[in-house]
């Protein structure tokens, strides 16, 4: 009888251990309620890409970029999408966040197809809309490019107007702006309507001595949380990578189409193609180019942009990340 009782207790403990081991790890991802990151998360959820890796993926809608960083700092989410400049600045202030690349998609300078503006120099005296404000990273890189290659700061030679992406697109279509530097999703909408690129980030970077494509936005999280949940976090990144591969197929986009709010097929195709073009590809280690880009941004943006961090803070890019590129 005592033997049976011990066997029963052992069985209960074994079953409890199995149940505990099988319990999924929850990861709360904070995203803009209207943002394009939702498209990838939708694919991850629909195909249970996180679930099959033992992750309970919870999407937390947020109202703005500031709301995202506040939510992360306050502990109400585990992961957000932001840029490595923000991470480096936080680390310089002993606030240890880390970054893993999410996308290389960025905006471009757009002009009307019939515009007399053919080169950056032609923006002299012209109105250019800029999303994100005076400290927008692409705007700062464009300024650095113009200083190095034209000998003049486009911020002084042109007439910049700063505003929200939807407003700038509206002003551009009303011909109240001569050019616009907008986020990639809004750039895609203008291109679908026949407007064209004047200059884009790869050309800007090349003109600054940066030789390879570099990420600007990525998954951002607390370093201490990542250390405790390294396997789960890498499982989430693996699910993200698998979702991106699925998004190279057209069928995925037909399912996503209602969520994209594309007014017509031309805009839908432009958004799809821009997203795909931003999917990171395996390439040689870009850290030298990222370090150079940081220096360019720090020189022109100053303390207002980078804070006390005179150089890219150590471990801004999370060393615990298991890149699929390293497994090929």
C-alpha atoms as a PDB file:
ATOM      1  CA  UNK A   1       0.000   0.000   0.000  1.00  0.00           C
ATOM      2  CA  UNK A   2       2.817   2.368   0.933  1.00  0.00           C
ATOM      3  CA  UNK A   3       4.550   1.461  -2.358  1.00  0.00           C
ATOM      4  CA  UNK A   4       1.396   2.349  -4.312  1.00  0.00           C
ATOM      5  CA  UNK A   5       1.113   5.660  -2.467  1.00  0.00           C
ATOM      6  CA  UNK A   6       4.749   6.526  -3.275  1.00  0.00           C
ATOM      7  CA  UNK A   7       4.198   5.575  -6.907  1.00  0.00           C
ATOM      8  CA  UNK A   8       1.116   7.797  -7.070  1.00  0.00           C
ATOM      9  CA  UNK A   9       3.009  10.765  -5.584  1.00  0.00           C
ATOM     10  CA  UNK A  10       5.892  10.183  -8.015  1.00  0.00           C
ATOM     11  CA  UNK A  11       3.445  10.127 -10.945  1.00  0.00           C
ATOM     12  CA  UNK A  12       1.846  13.395  -9.810  1.00  0.00           C
ATOM     13  CA  UNK A  13       5.221  15.082  -9.471  1.00  0.00           C
ATOM     14  CA  UNK A  14       6.293  13.829 -12.892  1.00  0.00           C
ATOM     15  CA  UNK A  15       3.115  15.071 -14.556  1.00  0.00           C
ATOM     16  CA  UNK A  16       3.444  18.432 -12.798  1.00  0.00           C
ATOM     17  CA  UNK A  17       7.031  18.780 -13.999  1.00  0.00           C
ATOM     18  CA  UNK A  18       6.043  17.966 -17.578  1.00  0.00           C
ATOM     19  CA  UNK A  19       3.175  20.462 -17.447  1.00  0.00           C
ATOM     20  CA  UNK A  20       5.455  23.120 -15.995  1.00  0.00           C
ATOM     21  CA  UNK A  21       8.155  22.488 -18.602  1.00  0.00           C
ATOM     22  CA  UNK A  22       5.586  22.682 -21.389  1.00  0.00           C
ATOM     23  CA  UNK A  23       4.120  25.986 -20.217  1.00  0.00           C
ATOM     24  CA  UNK A  24       4.702  28.605 -22.936  1.00  0.00           C
ATOM     25  CA  UNK A  25       6.726  31.736 -22.221  1.00  0.00           C
ATOM     26  CA  UNK A  26       4.682  34.891 -22.696  1.00  0.00           C
ATOM     27  CA  UNK A  27       6.224  37.683 -24.766  1.00  0.00           C
ATOM     28  CA  UNK A  28       4.291  40.960 -24.922  1.00  0.00           C
ATOM     29  CA  UNK A  29       5.074  42.919 -28.077  1.00  0.00           C
ATOM     30  CA  UNK A  30       4.077  46.588 -28.091  1.00  0.00           C
ATOM     31  CA  UNK A  31       3.300  47.937 -31.571  1.00  0.00           C
ATOM     32  CA  UNK A  32       1.644  50.998 -33.049  1.00  0.00           C
ATOM     33  CA  UNK A  33      -1.990  50.107 -33.627  1.00  0.00           C
ATOM     34  CA  UNK A  34      -1.720  51.419 -37.205  1.00  0.00           C
ATOM     35  CA  UNK A  35       1.866  50.256 -37.878  1.00  0.00           C
ATOM     36  CA  UNK A  36       3.178  47.886 -40.520  1.00  0.00           C
ATOM     37  CA  UNK A  37       4.801  45.629 -37.882  1.00  0.00           C
ATOM     38  CA  UNK A  38       1.284  44.308 -37.315  1.00  0.00           C
ATOM     39  CA  UNK A  39       1.413  42.619 -40.710  1.00  0.00           C
ATOM     40  CA  UNK A  40       4.271  40.356 -39.680  1.00  0.00           C
ATOM     41  CA  UNK A  41       2.755  39.657 -36.274  1.00  0.00           C
ATOM     42  CA  UNK A  42      -0.496  38.705 -38.006  1.00  0.00           C
ATOM     43  CA  UNK A  43       1.401  36.096 -40.051  1.00  0.00           C
ATOM     44  CA  UNK A  44       3.126  34.809 -36.911  1.00  0.00           C
ATOM     45  CA  UNK A  45      -0.197  34.411 -35.108  1.00  0.00           C
ATOM     46  CA  UNK A  46      -2.131  32.927 -38.021  1.00  0.00           C
ATOM     47  CA  UNK A  47       0.487  30.234 -38.639  1.00  0.00           C
ATOM     48  CA  UNK A  48       1.224  29.789 -34.912  1.00  0.00           C
ATOM     49  CA  UNK A  49       4.927  30.334 -35.603  1.00  0.00           C
ATOM     50  CA  UNK A  50       5.595  31.555 -32.064  1.00  0.00           C
ATOM     51  CA  UNK A  51       3.236  29.061 -30.435  1.00  0.00           C
ATOM     52  CA  UNK A  52       4.961  26.045 -31.992  1.00  0.00           C
ATOM     53  CA  UNK A  53       8.208  27.331 -30.469  1.00  0.00           C
ATOM     54  CA  UNK A  54       6.728  27.551 -26.979  1.00  0.00           C
ATOM     55  CA  UNK A  55       5.938  31.275 -27.068  1.00  0.00           C
ATOM     56  CA  UNK A  56       2.653  32.840 -25.992  1.00  0.00           C
ATOM     57  CA  UNK A  57       2.735  35.915 -28.253  1.00  0.00           C
ATOM     58  CA  UNK A  58       0.645  38.816 -26.954  1.00  0.00           C
ATOM     59  CA  UNK A  59       0.279  41.885 -29.192  1.00  0.00           C
ATOM     60  CA  UNK A  60      -0.204  45.127 -27.231  1.00  0.00           C
ATOM     61  CA  UNK A  61      -1.510  48.031 -29.385  1.00  0.00           C
ATOM     62  CA  UNK A  62       0.026  51.425 -28.594  1.00  0.00           C
ATOM     63  CA  UNK A  63      -0.756  54.941 -29.773  1.00  0.00           C
ATOM     64  CA  UNK A  64       2.675  56.340 -30.690  1.00  0.00           C
ATOM     65  CA  UNK A  65       6.426  55.811 -30.711  1.00  0.00           C
ATOM     66  CA  UNK A  66       6.716  57.653 -27.407  1.00  0.00           C
ATOM     67  CA  UNK A  67       4.025  55.411 -25.929  1.00  0.00           C
ATOM     68  CA  UNK A  68       6.090  52.396 -27.048  1.00  0.00           C
ATOM     69  CA  UNK A  69       9.263  53.458 -25.266  1.00  0.00           C
ATOM     70  CA  UNK A  70       7.309  54.463 -22.156  1.00  0.00           C
ATOM     71  CA  UNK A  71       5.563  51.075 -22.107  1.00  0.00           C
ATOM     72  CA  UNK A  72       8.905  49.266 -22.423  1.00  0.00           C
ATOM     73  CA  UNK A  73      10.539  51.352 -19.705  1.00  0.00           C
ATOM     74  CA  UNK A  74       7.530  50.841 -17.449  1.00  0.00           C
ATOM     75  CA  UNK A  75       7.499  47.068 -17.935  1.00  0.00           C
ATOM     76  CA  UNK A  76       4.034  46.804 -19.486  1.00  0.00           C
ATOM     77  CA  UNK A  77       5.531  45.258 -22.647  1.00  0.00           C
ATOM     78  CA  UNK A  78       8.619  43.114 -23.227  1.00  0.00           C
ATOM     79  CA  UNK A  79       9.541  44.067 -26.799  1.00  0.00           C
ATOM     80  CA  UNK A  80       8.932  47.078 -29.065  1.00  0.00           C
ATOM     81  CA  UNK A  81      10.236  48.263 -32.435  1.00  0.00           C
ATOM     82  CA  UNK A  82      12.587  51.249 -32.235  1.00  0.00           C
ATOM     83  CA  UNK A  83      16.034  52.280 -33.494  1.00  0.00           C
ATOM     84  CA  UNK A  84      19.534  51.524 -32.289  1.00  0.00           C
ATOM     85  CA  UNK A  85      20.293  55.214 -31.727  1.00  0.00           C
ATOM     86  CA  UNK A  86      17.704  55.272 -28.950  1.00  0.00           C
ATOM     87  CA  UNK A  87      19.162  52.076 -27.484  1.00  0.00           C
ATOM     88  CA  UNK A  88      22.724  53.426 -27.562  1.00  0.00           C
ATOM     89  CA  UNK A  89      21.640  56.648 -25.863  1.00  0.00           C
ATOM     90  CA  UNK A  90      19.813  54.720 -23.137  1.00  0.00           C
ATOM     91  CA  UNK A  91      22.837  52.491 -22.532  1.00  0.00           C
ATOM     92  CA  UNK A  92      25.060  55.562 -22.180  1.00  0.00           C
ATOM     93  CA  UNK A  93      22.746  56.578 -19.320  1.00  0.00           C
ATOM     94  CA  UNK A  94      23.054  53.089 -17.741  1.00  0.00           C
ATOM     95  CA  UNK A  95      19.580  52.064 -18.949  1.00  0.00           C
ATOM     96  CA  UNK A  96      20.449  48.715 -20.465  1.00  0.00           C
ATOM     97  CA  UNK A  97      18.251  48.008 -23.452  1.00  0.00           C
ATOM     98  CA  UNK A  98      19.346  45.993 -26.489  1.00  0.00           C
ATOM     99  CA  UNK A  99      18.531  45.799 -30.198  1.00  0.00           C
ATOM    100  CA  UNK A 100      18.059  43.067 -32.827  1.00  0.00           C
ATOM    101  CA  UNK A 101      17.458  43.997 -36.471  1.00  0.00           C
ATOM    102  CA  UNK A 102      13.843  43.920 -37.656  1.00  0.00           C
ATOM    103  CA  UNK A 103      13.857  45.662 -41.048  1.00  0.00           C
ATOM    104  CA  UNK A 104      15.977  47.684 -43.458  1.00  0.00           C
ATOM    105  CA  UNK A 105      12.941  49.449 -44.954  1.00  0.00           C
ATOM    106  CA  UNK A 106      13.261  53.235 -44.932  1.00  0.00           C
ATOM    107  CA  UNK A 107      11.747  56.203 -46.708  1.00  0.00           C
ATOM    108  CA  UNK A 108      13.031  58.220 -49.659  1.00  0.00           C
ATOM    109  CA  UNK A 109      12.861  61.761 -50.986  1.00  0.00           C
ATOM    110  CA  UNK A 110       9.921  61.840 -53.408  1.00  0.00           C
ATOM    111  CA  UNK A 111       9.069  64.382 -56.102  1.00  0.00           C
ATOM    112  CA  UNK A 112       6.301  64.612 -58.675  1.00  0.00           C
ATOM    113  CA  UNK A 113       7.027  62.775 -61.921  1.00  0.00           C
ATOM    114  CA  UNK A 114       6.878  66.076 -63.844  1.00  0.00           C
ATOM    115  CA  UNK A 115       8.939  68.004 -61.301  1.00  0.00           C
ATOM    116  CA  UNK A 116      11.860  70.140 -62.513  1.00  0.00           C
ATOM    117  CA  UNK A 117      13.755  68.862 -59.449  1.00  0.00           C
ATOM    118  CA  UNK A 118      16.158  66.237 -60.812  1.00  0.00           C
ATOM    119  CA  UNK A 119      18.982  66.339 -58.268  1.00  0.00           C
ATOM    120  CA  UNK A 120      19.364  67.228 -54.604  1.00  0.00           C
ATOM    121  CA  UNK A 121      20.897  70.564 -55.609  1.00  0.00           C
ATOM    122  CA  UNK A 122      17.620  71.459 -57.324  1.00  0.00           C
ATOM    123  CA  UNK A 123      15.916  71.599 -53.908  1.00  0.00           C
ATOM    124  CA  UNK A 124      17.437  75.042 -53.328  1.00  0.00           C
ATOM    125  CA  UNK A 125      14.610  77.394 -52.385  1.00  0.00           C
ATOM    126  CA  UNK A 126      12.037  74.573 -52.631  1.00  0.00           C
ATOM    127  CA  UNK A 127       9.621  73.310 -49.987  1.00  0.00           C
ATOM    128  CA  UNK A 128      10.439  69.841 -48.660  1.00  0.00           C
ATOM    129  CA  UNK A 129       8.264  68.030 -46.135  1.00  0.00           C
ATOM    130  CA  UNK A 130      10.094  65.934 -43.533  1.00  0.00           C
ATOM    131  CA  UNK A 131       8.411  63.377 -41.288  1.00  0.00           C
ATOM    132  CA  UNK A 132       9.640  62.783 -37.770  1.00  0.00           C
ATOM    133  CA  UNK A 133      10.936  66.274 -37.007  1.00  0.00           C
ATOM    134  CA  UNK A 134      14.378  67.922 -37.258  1.00  0.00           C
ATOM    135  CA  UNK A 135      16.052  64.936 -35.543  1.00  0.00           C
ATOM    136  CA  UNK A 136      14.725  62.350 -38.002  1.00  0.00           C
ATOM    137  CA  UNK A 137      17.628  60.032 -38.800  1.00  0.00           C
ATOM    138  CA  UNK A 138      17.175  59.990 -42.582  1.00  0.00           C
ATOM    139  CA  UNK A 139      16.846  63.785 -42.652  1.00  0.00           C
ATOM    140  CA  UNK A 140      20.082  64.136 -40.682  1.00  0.00           C
ATOM    141  CA  UNK A 141      21.854  61.722 -43.032  1.00  0.00           C
ATOM    142  CA  UNK A 142      20.514  63.692 -46.012  1.00  0.00           C
ATOM    143  CA  UNK A 143      21.878  66.891 -44.451  1.00  0.00           C
ATOM    144  CA  UNK A 144      25.280  65.255 -43.917  1.00  0.00           C
ATOM    145  CA  UNK A 145      25.230  63.981 -47.511  1.00  0.00           C
ATOM    146  CA  UNK A 146      24.450  67.434 -48.895  1.00  0.00           C
ATOM    147  CA  UNK A 147      27.204  69.038 -46.817  1.00  0.00           C
ATOM    148  CA  UNK A 148      29.777  66.511 -48.005  1.00  0.00           C
ATOM    149  CA  UNK A 149      28.727  66.284 -51.653  1.00  0.00           C
ATOM    150  CA  UNK A 150      27.208  69.697 -52.402  1.00  0.00           C
ATOM    151  CA  UNK A 151      29.068  71.857 -49.912  1.00  0.00           C
ATOM    152  CA  UNK A 152      25.814  73.175 -48.438  1.00  0.00           C
ATOM    153  CA  UNK A 153      23.313  71.999 -45.826  1.00  0.00           C
ATOM    154  CA  UNK A 154      19.964  71.127 -47.416  1.00  0.00           C
ATOM    155  CA  UNK A 155      18.350  72.330 -44.177  1.00  0.00           C
ATOM    156  CA  UNK A 156      19.550  75.839 -45.090  1.00  0.00           C
ATOM    157  CA  UNK A 157      19.234  75.782 -48.868  1.00  0.00           C
ATOM    158  CA  UNK A 158      15.758  74.207 -48.988  1.00  0.00           C
ATOM    159  CA  UNK A 159      12.650  75.151 -47.008  1.00  0.00           C
ATOM    160  CA  UNK A 160      11.889  72.210 -44.704  1.00  0.00           C
ATOM    161  CA  UNK A 161       8.429  71.669 -43.218  1.00  0.00           C
ATOM    162  CA  UNK A 162       8.088  69.066 -40.470  1.00  0.00           C
ATOM    163  CA  UNK A 163       4.887  67.133 -39.938  1.00  0.00           C
ATOM    164  CA  UNK A 164       3.094  63.822 -39.527  1.00  0.00           C
ATOM    165  CA  UNK A 165       3.397  61.339 -42.437  1.00  0.00           C
ATOM    166  CA  UNK A 166      -0.295  61.426 -43.498  1.00  0.00           C
ATOM    167  CA  UNK A 167      -0.359  65.237 -43.512  1.00  0.00           C
ATOM    168  CA  UNK A 168       2.823  65.462 -45.579  1.00  0.00           C
ATOM    169  CA  UNK A 169       1.448  63.032 -48.153  1.00  0.00           C
ATOM    170  CA  UNK A 170      -1.715  65.109 -48.384  1.00  0.00           C
ATOM    171  CA  UNK A 171       0.268  68.337 -48.862  1.00  0.00           C
ATOM    172  CA  UNK A 172       2.415  66.668 -51.509  1.00  0.00           C
ATOM    173  CA  UNK A 173      -0.621  65.522 -53.470  1.00  0.00           C
ATOM    174  CA  UNK A 174      -2.096  69.032 -53.271  1.00  0.00           C
ATOM    175  CA  UNK A 175       1.186  70.352 -54.729  1.00  0.00           C
ATOM    176  CA  UNK A 176       1.804  72.414 -51.602  1.00  0.00           C
ATOM    177  CA  UNK A 177       5.216  70.782 -51.261  1.00  0.00           C
ATOM    178  CA  UNK A 178       7.897  70.383 -53.923  1.00  0.00           C
ATOM    179  CA  UNK A 179       9.362  67.242 -52.341  1.00  0.00           C
ATOM    180  CA  UNK A 180       8.821  65.046 -49.319  1.00  0.00           C
ATOM    181  CA  UNK A 181      10.988  62.782 -47.158  1.00  0.00           C
ATOM    182  CA  UNK A 182       8.527  60.376 -45.603  1.00  0.00           C
ATOM    183  CA  UNK A 183       8.444  56.952 -43.972  1.00  0.00           C
ATOM    184  CA  UNK A 184       8.597  53.970 -46.308  1.00  0.00           C
ATOM    185  CA  UNK A 185       4.886  53.083 -46.126  1.00  0.00           C
ATOM    186  CA  UNK A 186       3.859  56.611 -47.109  1.00  0.00           C
ATOM    187  CA  UNK A 187       6.581  56.780 -49.750  1.00  0.00           C
ATOM    188  CA  UNK A 188       5.138  53.580 -51.235  1.00  0.00           C
ATOM    189  CA  UNK A 189       1.708  55.206 -51.495  1.00  0.00           C
ATOM    190  CA  UNK A 190       3.095  58.209 -53.368  1.00  0.00           C
ATOM    191  CA  UNK A 191       5.073  56.018 -55.751  1.00  0.00           C
ATOM    192  CA  UNK A 192       1.926  54.025 -56.480  1.00  0.00           C
ATOM    193  CA  UNK A 193       0.341  57.308 -57.566  1.00  0.00           C
ATOM    194  CA  UNK A 194       3.098  57.984 -60.085  1.00  0.00           C
ATOM    195  CA  UNK A 195       5.547  60.046 -58.064  1.00  0.00           C
ATOM    196  CA  UNK A 196       9.219  59.142 -58.178  1.00  0.00           C
ATOM    197  CA  UNK A 197      12.272  58.889 -55.962  1.00  0.00           C
ATOM    198  CA  UNK A 198      14.791  61.709 -56.058  1.00  0.00           C
ATOM    199  CA  UNK A 199      17.271  60.046 -53.705  1.00  0.00           C
ATOM    200  CA  UNK A 200      17.069  57.107 -51.307  1.00  0.00           C
ATOM    201  CA  UNK A 201      19.057  55.834 -48.346  1.00  0.00           C
ATOM    202  CA  UNK A 202      21.538  53.506 -50.140  1.00  0.00           C
ATOM    203  CA  UNK A 203      22.718  56.428 -52.308  1.00  0.00           C
ATOM    204  CA  UNK A 204      22.893  58.726 -49.275  1.00  0.00           C
ATOM    205  CA  UNK A 205      24.922  56.178 -47.291  1.00  0.00           C
ATOM    206  CA  UNK A 206      27.266  55.494 -50.212  1.00  0.00           C
ATOM    207  CA  UNK A 207      27.923  59.232 -50.475  1.00  0.00           C
ATOM    208  CA  UNK A 208      28.917  59.199 -46.802  1.00  0.00           C
ATOM    209  CA  UNK A 209      31.349  56.299 -47.190  1.00  0.00           C
ATOM    210  CA  UNK A 210      29.005  53.611 -45.840  1.00  0.00           C
ATOM    211  CA  UNK A 211      29.479  50.540 -48.021  1.00  0.00           C
ATOM    212  CA  UNK A 212      26.691  48.162 -46.982  1.00  0.00           C
ATOM    213  CA  UNK A 213      22.979  48.197 -46.203  1.00  0.00           C
ATOM    214  CA  UNK A 214      22.417  48.877 -42.528  1.00  0.00           C
ATOM    215  CA  UNK A 215      19.360  48.436 -40.332  1.00  0.00           C
ATOM    216  CA  UNK A 216      17.833  51.437 -38.613  1.00  0.00           C
ATOM    217  CA  UNK A 217      14.900  49.807 -36.821  1.00  0.00           C
ATOM    218  CA  UNK A 218      14.692  46.619 -34.813  1.00  0.00           C
ATOM    219  CA  UNK A 219      13.239  44.724 -31.888  1.00  0.00           C
ATOM    220  CA  UNK A 220      14.186  46.477 -28.637  1.00  0.00           C
ATOM    221  CA  UNK A 221      14.007  44.987 -25.131  1.00  0.00           C
ATOM    222  CA  UNK A 222      15.537  45.158 -21.665  1.00  0.00           C
ATOM    223  CA  UNK A 223      18.906  43.413 -21.422  1.00  0.00           C
ATOM    224  CA  UNK A 224      18.201  41.872 -18.001  1.00  0.00           C
ATOM    225  CA  UNK A 225      14.891  40.438 -19.239  1.00  0.00           C
ATOM    226  CA  UNK A 226      16.629  39.079 -22.364  1.00  0.00           C
ATOM    227  CA  UNK A 227      19.307  37.372 -20.274  1.00  0.00           C
ATOM    228  CA  UNK A 228      16.639  35.574 -18.227  1.00  0.00           C
ATOM    229  CA  UNK A 229      14.632  34.645 -21.324  1.00  0.00           C
ATOM    230  CA  UNK A 230      17.353  34.119 -23.926  1.00  0.00           C
ATOM    231  CA  UNK A 231      15.969  30.883 -25.400  1.00  0.00           C
ATOM    232  CA  UNK A 232      12.426  32.241 -25.584  1.00  0.00           C
ATOM    233  CA  UNK A 233      13.574  35.504 -27.155  1.00  0.00           C
ATOM    234  CA  UNK A 234      15.611  33.697 -29.804  1.00  0.00           C
ATOM    235  CA  UNK A 235      12.585  31.489 -30.469  1.00  0.00           C
ATOM    236  CA  UNK A 236      10.560  34.660 -31.052  1.00  0.00           C
ATOM    237  CA  UNK A 237      13.208  35.947 -33.479  1.00  0.00           C
ATOM    238  CA  UNK A 238      13.147  32.601 -35.301  1.00  0.00           C
ATOM    239  CA  UNK A 239       9.359  32.924 -35.622  1.00  0.00           C
ATOM    240  CA  UNK A 240       9.835  36.448 -36.971  1.00  0.00           C
ATOM    241  CA  UNK A 241      12.333  35.209 -39.566  1.00  0.00           C
ATOM    242  CA  UNK A 242       9.975  32.422 -40.644  1.00  0.00           C
ATOM    243  CA  UNK A 243       7.119  34.910 -40.989  1.00  0.00           C
ATOM    244  CA  UNK A 244       9.268  37.073 -43.264  1.00  0.00           C
ATOM    245  CA  UNK A 245      10.006  34.074 -45.467  1.00  0.00           C
ATOM    246  CA  UNK A 246       6.286  33.340 -45.763  1.00  0.00           C
ATOM    247  CA  UNK A 247       5.733  36.980 -46.695  1.00  0.00           C
ATOM    248  CA  UNK A 248       7.841  36.453 -49.800  1.00  0.00           C
ATOM    249  CA  UNK A 249       4.901  34.459 -51.176  1.00  0.00           C
ATOM    250  CA  UNK A 250       1.922  36.235 -52.732  1.00  0.00           C
ATOM    251  CA  UNK A 251      -0.717  34.134 -50.937  1.00  0.00           C
ATOM    252  CA  UNK A 252       0.256  35.630 -47.572  1.00  0.00           C
ATOM    253  CA  UNK A 253      -0.368  39.121 -48.869  1.00  0.00           C
ATOM    254  CA  UNK A 254      -3.803  38.286 -50.223  1.00  0.00           C
ATOM    255  CA  UNK A 255      -4.759  37.335 -46.667  1.00  0.00           C
ATOM    256  CA  UNK A 256      -3.129  40.484 -45.261  1.00  0.00           C
ATOM    257  CA  UNK A 257      -4.680  42.812 -47.834  1.00  0.00           C
ATOM    258  CA  UNK A 258      -7.731  43.881 -45.743  1.00  0.00           C
ATOM    259  CA  UNK A 259      -5.447  44.792 -42.820  1.00  0.00           C
ATOM    260  CA  UNK A 260      -3.257  46.993 -45.028  1.00  0.00           C
ATOM    261  CA  UNK A 261      -6.008  49.500 -45.860  1.00  0.00           C
ATOM    262  CA  UNK A 262      -4.677  49.956 -49.394  1.00  0.00           C
ATOM    263  CA  UNK A 263      -7.094  52.090 -51.409  1.00  0.00           C
ATOM    264  CA  UNK A 264      -6.347  50.239 -54.650  1.00  0.00           C
ATOM    265  CA  UNK A 265      -4.243  47.417 -56.095  1.00  0.00           C
ATOM    266  CA  UNK A 266      -1.391  49.728 -57.119  1.00  0.00           C
ATOM    267  CA  UNK A 267      -0.935  50.897 -53.519  1.00  0.00           C
ATOM    268  CA  UNK A 268      -1.295  47.326 -52.234  1.00  0.00           C
ATOM    269  CA  UNK A 269       1.465  46.095 -54.568  1.00  0.00           C
ATOM    270  CA  UNK A 270       3.717  49.043 -53.732  1.00  0.00           C
ATOM    271  CA  UNK A 271       3.344  48.435 -49.978  1.00  0.00           C
ATOM    272  CA  UNK A 272       3.959  44.707 -50.416  1.00  0.00           C
ATOM    273  CA  UNK A 273       7.075  45.236 -52.517  1.00  0.00           C
ATOM    274  CA  UNK A 274       8.510  47.892 -50.186  1.00  0.00           C
ATOM    275  CA  UNK A 275       8.026  45.610 -47.179  1.00  0.00           C
ATOM    276  CA  UNK A 276       9.741  42.738 -48.973  1.00  0.00           C
ATOM    277  CA  UNK A 277      12.636  44.945 -50.067  1.00  0.00           C
ATOM    278  CA  UNK A 278      13.253  45.783 -46.406  1.00  0.00           C
ATOM    279  CA  UNK A 279      13.599  42.164 -45.272  1.00  0.00           C
ATOM    280  CA  UNK A 280      17.208  41.868 -44.012  1.00  0.00           C
ATOM    281  CA  UNK A 281      19.491  39.636 -46.055  1.00  0.00           C
ATOM    282  CA  UNK A 282      22.494  37.687 -44.855  1.00  0.00           C
ATOM    283  CA  UNK A 283      25.582  39.810 -45.456  1.00  0.00           C
ATOM    284  CA  UNK A 284      29.046  40.427 -43.991  1.00  0.00           C
ATOM    285  CA  UNK A 285      29.061  41.909 -40.492  1.00  0.00           C
ATOM    286  CA  UNK A 286      27.832  45.513 -40.905  1.00  0.00           C
ATOM    287  CA  UNK A 287      29.102  46.811 -37.546  1.00  0.00           C
ATOM    288  CA  UNK A 288      31.905  48.907 -39.084  1.00  0.00           C
ATOM    289  CA  UNK A 289      29.359  50.661 -41.305  1.00  0.00           C
ATOM    290  CA  UNK A 290      26.920  51.052 -38.407  1.00  0.00           C
ATOM    291  CA  UNK A 291      29.686  52.622 -36.306  1.00  0.00           C
ATOM    292  CA  UNK A 292      30.492  55.029 -39.155  1.00  0.00           C
ATOM    293  CA  UNK A 293      26.809  55.901 -39.575  1.00  0.00           C
ATOM    294  CA  UNK A 294      26.586  56.591 -35.848  1.00  0.00           C
ATOM    295  CA  UNK A 295      29.539  58.998 -36.068  1.00  0.00           C
ATOM    296  CA  UNK A 296      27.927  60.854 -38.985  1.00  0.00           C
ATOM    297  CA  UNK A 297      24.656  61.167 -37.070  1.00  0.00           C
ATOM    298  CA  UNK A 298      26.379  62.197 -33.838  1.00  0.00           C
ATOM    299  CA  UNK A 299      28.413  64.867 -35.629  1.00  0.00           C
ATOM    300  CA  UNK A 300      25.389  66.508 -37.222  1.00  0.00           C
ATOM    301  CA  UNK A 301      22.720  65.714 -34.615  1.00  0.00           C
ATOM    302  CA  UNK A 302      24.824  66.480 -31.562  1.00  0.00           C
ATOM    303  CA  UNK A 303      23.890  65.847 -27.950  1.00  0.00           C
ATOM    304  CA  UNK A 304      20.219  66.472 -28.683  1.00  0.00           C
ATOM    305  CA  UNK A 305      20.234  63.270 -30.751  1.00  0.00           C
ATOM    306  CA  UNK A 306      22.741  60.973 -29.048  1.00  0.00           C
ATOM    307  CA  UNK A 307      22.953  62.369 -25.511  1.00  0.00           C
ATOM    308  CA  UNK A 308      26.209  61.567 -23.719  1.00  0.00           C
ATOM    309  CA  UNK A 309      27.060  58.696 -26.069  1.00  0.00           C
ATOM    310  CA  UNK A 310      29.961  60.019 -28.165  1.00  0.00           C
ATOM    311  CA  UNK A 311      30.249  56.575 -29.766  1.00  0.00           C
ATOM    312  CA  UNK A 312      27.934  53.615 -30.256  1.00  0.00           C
ATOM    313  CA  UNK A 313      27.423  52.081 -26.813  1.00  0.00           C
ATOM    314  CA  UNK A 314      28.821  48.585 -26.238  1.00  0.00           C
ATOM    315  CA  UNK A 315      26.263  45.773 -26.689  1.00  0.00           C
ATOM    316  CA  UNK A 316      23.686  48.071 -28.286  1.00  0.00           C
ATOM    317  CA  UNK A 317      23.243  45.133 -30.675  1.00  0.00           C
ATOM    318  CA  UNK A 318      22.333  42.194 -28.440  1.00  0.00           C
ATOM    319  CA  UNK A 319      25.201  39.659 -28.327  1.00  0.00           C
ATOM    320  CA  UNK A 320      22.797  36.879 -27.312  1.00  0.00           C
ATOM    321  CA  UNK A 321      21.027  36.904 -30.683  1.00  0.00           C
ATOM    322  CA  UNK A 322      21.276  33.640 -32.639  1.00  0.00           C
ATOM    323  CA  UNK A 323      21.164  34.899 -36.225  1.00  0.00           C
ATOM    324  CA  UNK A 324      19.853  32.454 -38.860  1.00  0.00           C
ATOM    325  CA  UNK A 325      22.682  33.745 -41.068  1.00  0.00           C
ATOM    326  CA  UNK A 326      25.184  32.109 -38.721  1.00  0.00           C
ATOM    327  CA  UNK A 327      23.498  28.732 -39.261  1.00  0.00           C
ATOM    328  CA  UNK A 328      23.826  28.713 -43.039  1.00  0.00           C
END
